[in-house]
C-alpha atoms as a PDB file:
ATOM      1  CA  UNK A   1      29.473-194.125 -23.699  1.00  0.00           C
ATOM      2  CA  UNK A   2      32.460-192.213 -24.959  1.00  0.00           C
ATOM      3  CA  UNK A   3      30.736-189.006 -23.974  1.00  0.00           C
ATOM      4  CA  UNK A   4      30.159-190.229 -20.390  1.00  0.00           C
ATOM      5  CA  UNK A   5      33.795-191.234 -19.954  1.00  0.00           C
ATOM      6  CA  UNK A   6      34.909-187.878 -21.377  1.00  0.00           C
ATOM      7  CA  UNK A   7      32.582-186.062 -18.936  1.00  0.00           C
ATOM      8  CA  UNK A   8      33.892-188.187 -16.060  1.00  0.00           C
ATOM      9  CA  UNK A   9      37.481-187.379 -17.026  1.00  0.00           C
ATOM     10  CA  UNK A  10      36.683-183.635 -17.220  1.00  0.00           C
ATOM     11  CA  UNK A  11      35.062-183.699 -13.753  1.00  0.00           C
ATOM     12  CA  UNK A  12      38.033-185.619 -12.352  1.00  0.00           C
ATOM     13  CA  UNK A  13      40.545-183.147 -13.820  1.00  0.00           C
ATOM     14  CA  UNK A  14      38.466-180.206 -12.547  1.00  0.00           C
ATOM     15  CA  UNK A  15      38.325-181.743  -9.072  1.00  0.00           C
ATOM     16  CA  UNK A  16      42.106-182.237  -9.047  1.00  0.00           C
ATOM     17  CA  UNK A  17      42.621-178.633 -10.157  1.00  0.00           C
ATOM     18  CA  UNK A  18      40.328-177.340  -7.388  1.00  0.00           C
ATOM     19  CA  UNK A  19      42.123-179.389  -4.718  1.00  0.00           C
ATOM     20  CA  UNK A  20      45.548-178.295  -5.957  1.00  0.00           C
ATOM     21  CA  UNK A  21      44.480-174.636  -6.121  1.00  0.00           C
ATOM     22  CA  UNK A  22      43.079-174.805  -2.575  1.00  0.00           C
ATOM     23  CA  UNK A  23      46.356-176.238  -1.272  1.00  0.00           C
ATOM     24  CA  UNK A  24      48.336-173.506  -2.995  1.00  0.00           C
ATOM     25  CA  UNK A  25      46.064-170.764  -1.639  1.00  0.00           C
ATOM     26  CA  UNK A  26      46.429-172.115   1.921  1.00  0.00           C
ATOM     27  CA  UNK A  27      50.185-172.344   1.452  1.00  0.00           C
ATOM     28  CA  UNK A  28      50.271-168.760   0.198  1.00  0.00           C
ATOM     29  CA  UNK A  29      48.274-167.546   3.216  1.00  0.00           C
ATOM     30  CA  UNK A  30      50.614-169.340   5.609  1.00  0.00           C
ATOM     31  CA  UNK A  31      53.654-167.906   3.865  1.00  0.00           C
ATOM     32  CA  UNK A  32      52.123-164.434   3.962  1.00  0.00           C
ATOM     33  CA  UNK A  33      51.579-164.703   7.732  1.00  0.00           C
ATOM     34  CA  UNK A  34      55.164-165.881   8.228  1.00  0.00           C
ATOM     35  CA  UNK A  35      56.465-162.934   6.197  1.00  0.00           C
ATOM     36  CA  UNK A  36      54.367-160.516   8.280  1.00  0.00           C
ATOM     37  CA  UNK A  37      55.664-162.031  11.539  1.00  0.00           C
ATOM     38  CA  UNK A  38      59.237-161.924  10.266  1.00  0.00           C
ATOM     39  CA  UNK A  39      58.760-158.248   9.353  1.00  0.00           C
ATOM     40  CA  UNK A  40      57.537-157.397  12.849  1.00  0.00           C
ATOM     41  CA  UNK A  41      60.454-159.317  14.390  1.00  0.00           C
ATOM     42  CA  UNK A  42      62.805-157.410  12.096  1.00  0.00           C
ATOM     43  CA  UNK A  43      61.378-154.071  13.271  1.00  0.00           C
ATOM     44  CA  UNK A  44      61.802-155.082  16.918  1.00  0.00           C
ATOM     45  CA  UNK A  45      65.372-156.171  16.285  1.00  0.00           C
ATOM     46  CA  UNK A  46      66.123-152.894  14.497  1.00  0.00           C
ATOM     47  CA  UNK A  47      64.797-150.941  17.494  1.00  0.00           C
ATOM     48  CA  UNK A  48      66.836-153.083  19.890  1.00  0.00           C
ATOM     49  CA  UNK A  49      69.911-152.622  17.702  1.00  0.00           C
ATOM     50  CA  UNK A  50      69.452-148.852  17.704  1.00  0.00           C
ATOM     51  CA  UNK A  51      69.059-148.872  21.475  1.00  0.00           C
ATOM     52  CA  UNK A  52      72.225-150.931  21.875  1.00  0.00           C
ATOM     53  CA  UNK A  53      74.130-148.579  19.555  1.00  0.00           C
ATOM     54  CA  UNK A  54      73.060-145.594  21.675  1.00  0.00           C
ATOM     55  CA  UNK A  55      74.084-147.420  24.846  1.00  0.00           C
ATOM     56  CA  UNK A  56      77.469-148.249  23.301  1.00  0.00           C
ATOM     57  CA  UNK A  57      78.038-144.626  22.315  1.00  0.00           C
ATOM     58  CA  UNK A  58      77.153-143.511  25.843  1.00  0.00           C
ATOM     59  CA  UNK A  59      79.511-146.079  27.369  1.00  0.00           C
ATOM     60  CA  UNK A  60      82.327-144.878  25.110  1.00  0.00           C
ATOM     61  CA  UNK A  61      81.839-141.300  26.314  1.00  0.00           C
ATOM     62  CA  UNK A  62      83.921-139.508  28.903  1.00  0.00           C
ATOM     63  CA  UNK A  63      80.812-138.811  30.959  1.00  0.00           C
ATOM     64  CA  UNK A  64      80.181-142.541  31.500  1.00  0.00           C
ATOM     65  CA  UNK A  65      83.815-143.208  32.360  1.00  0.00           C
ATOM     66  CA  UNK A  66      83.836-140.397  34.905  1.00  0.00           C
ATOM     67  CA  UNK A  67      80.568-141.604  36.446  1.00  0.00           C
ATOM     68  CA  UNK A  68      81.888-145.169  36.776  1.00  0.00           C
ATOM     69  CA  UNK A  69      85.133-143.958  38.324  1.00  0.00           C
ATOM     70  CA  UNK A  70      83.253-141.864  40.836  1.00  0.00           C
ATOM     71  CA  UNK A  71      80.631-144.485  41.745  1.00  0.00           C
ATOM     72  CA  UNK A  72      82.577-147.730  41.730  1.00  0.00           C
ATOM     73  CA  UNK A  73      86.060-146.638  42.723  1.00  0.00           C
ATOM     74  CA  UNK A  74      85.137-143.738  44.994  1.00  0.00           C
ATOM     75  CA  UNK A  75      87.570-141.370  43.316  1.00  0.00           C
ATOM     76  CA  UNK A  76      87.079-137.629  43.081  1.00  0.00           C
ATOM     77  CA  UNK A  77      88.380-134.711  41.082  1.00  0.00           C
ATOM     78  CA  UNK A  78      91.054-132.439  42.434  1.00  0.00           C
ATOM     79  CA  UNK A  79      89.610-130.268  45.193  1.00  0.00           C
ATOM     80  CA  UNK A  80      86.601-132.528  45.889  1.00  0.00           C
ATOM     81  CA  UNK A  81      86.112-134.572  49.025  1.00  0.00           C
ATOM     82  CA  UNK A  82      84.660-138.089  49.052  1.00  0.00           C
ATOM     83  CA  UNK A  83      82.181-138.798  51.830  1.00  0.00           C
ATOM     84  CA  UNK A  84      81.268-142.427  52.531  1.00  0.00           C
ATOM     85  CA  UNK A  85      78.266-143.005  54.760  1.00  0.00           C
ATOM     86  CA  UNK A  86      77.842-146.390  56.434  1.00  0.00           C
ATOM     87  CA  UNK A  87      74.700-148.299  55.561  1.00  0.00           C
ATOM     88  CA  UNK A  88      72.301-149.222  58.343  1.00  0.00           C
ATOM     89  CA  UNK A  89      70.229-152.354  58.289  1.00  0.00           C
ATOM     90  CA  UNK A  90      66.539-151.759  58.815  1.00  0.00           C
ATOM     91  CA  UNK A  91      66.495-154.486  61.487  1.00  0.00           C
ATOM     92  CA  UNK A  92      69.345-152.896  63.399  1.00  0.00           C
ATOM     93  CA  UNK A  93      67.694-149.492  63.376  1.00  0.00           C
ATOM     94  CA  UNK A  94      64.340-150.936  64.472  1.00  0.00           C
ATOM     95  CA  UNK A  95      65.999-152.841  67.342  1.00  0.00           C
ATOM     96  CA  UNK A  96      67.804-149.700  68.416  1.00  0.00           C
ATOM     97  CA  UNK A  97      64.668-147.627  68.240  1.00  0.00           C
ATOM     98  CA  UNK A  98      62.805-150.263  70.278  1.00  0.00           C
ATOM     99  CA  UNK A  99      65.497-150.153  72.990  1.00  0.00           C
ATOM    100  CA  UNK A 100      65.425-146.383  73.127  1.00  0.00           C
ATOM    101  CA  UNK A 101      61.691-146.267  73.760  1.00  0.00           C
ATOM    102  CA  UNK A 102      61.877-148.306  77.034  1.00  0.00           C
ATOM    103  CA  UNK A 103      62.741-146.672  80.328  1.00  0.00           C
ATOM    104  CA  UNK A 104      66.079-147.553  81.931  1.00  0.00           C
ATOM    105  CA  UNK A 105      64.591-149.503  84.840  1.00  0.00           C
ATOM    106  CA  UNK A 106      62.749-151.784  82.367  1.00  0.00           C
ATOM    107  CA  UNK A 107      65.936-152.393  80.399  1.00  0.00           C
ATOM    108  CA  UNK A 108      67.773-153.389  83.624  1.00  0.00           C
ATOM    109  CA  UNK A 109      64.888-155.598  84.679  1.00  0.00           C
ATOM    110  CA  UNK A 110      64.932-157.381  81.319  1.00  0.00           C
ATOM    111  CA  UNK A 111      68.698-157.761  81.511  1.00  0.00           C
ATOM    112  CA  UNK A 112      68.747-159.462  84.933  1.00  0.00           C
ATOM    113  CA  UNK A 113      65.431-161.280  85.040  1.00  0.00           C
ATOM    114  CA  UNK A 114      64.789-161.840  81.310  1.00  0.00           C
ATOM    115  CA  UNK A 115      61.746-160.226  80.062  1.00  0.00           C
END
């Protein structure tokens, strides 16, 4: 009888150890995946940081300042001329091209009689 209860106790302890070990192994796997994901996020953030540092250095440069002055303010260096071309809407140019294709008599007809 004592031997049966001792065997039962040993099986119960072994079962508890197996369950606890399984939980710890699953927890370790989950933690390992989280560490891997965090490492990949860290690499992406490092690349983004490097890109932003390069952009900052470029924007601190004289070349960027000159480009912004030329493009946004329309200024030029001494001896240069600034030429500003008006923008045409695609609708306006298509309407004009449609009017130019018709003969004059048809344009007059449409003007007076609605066409």
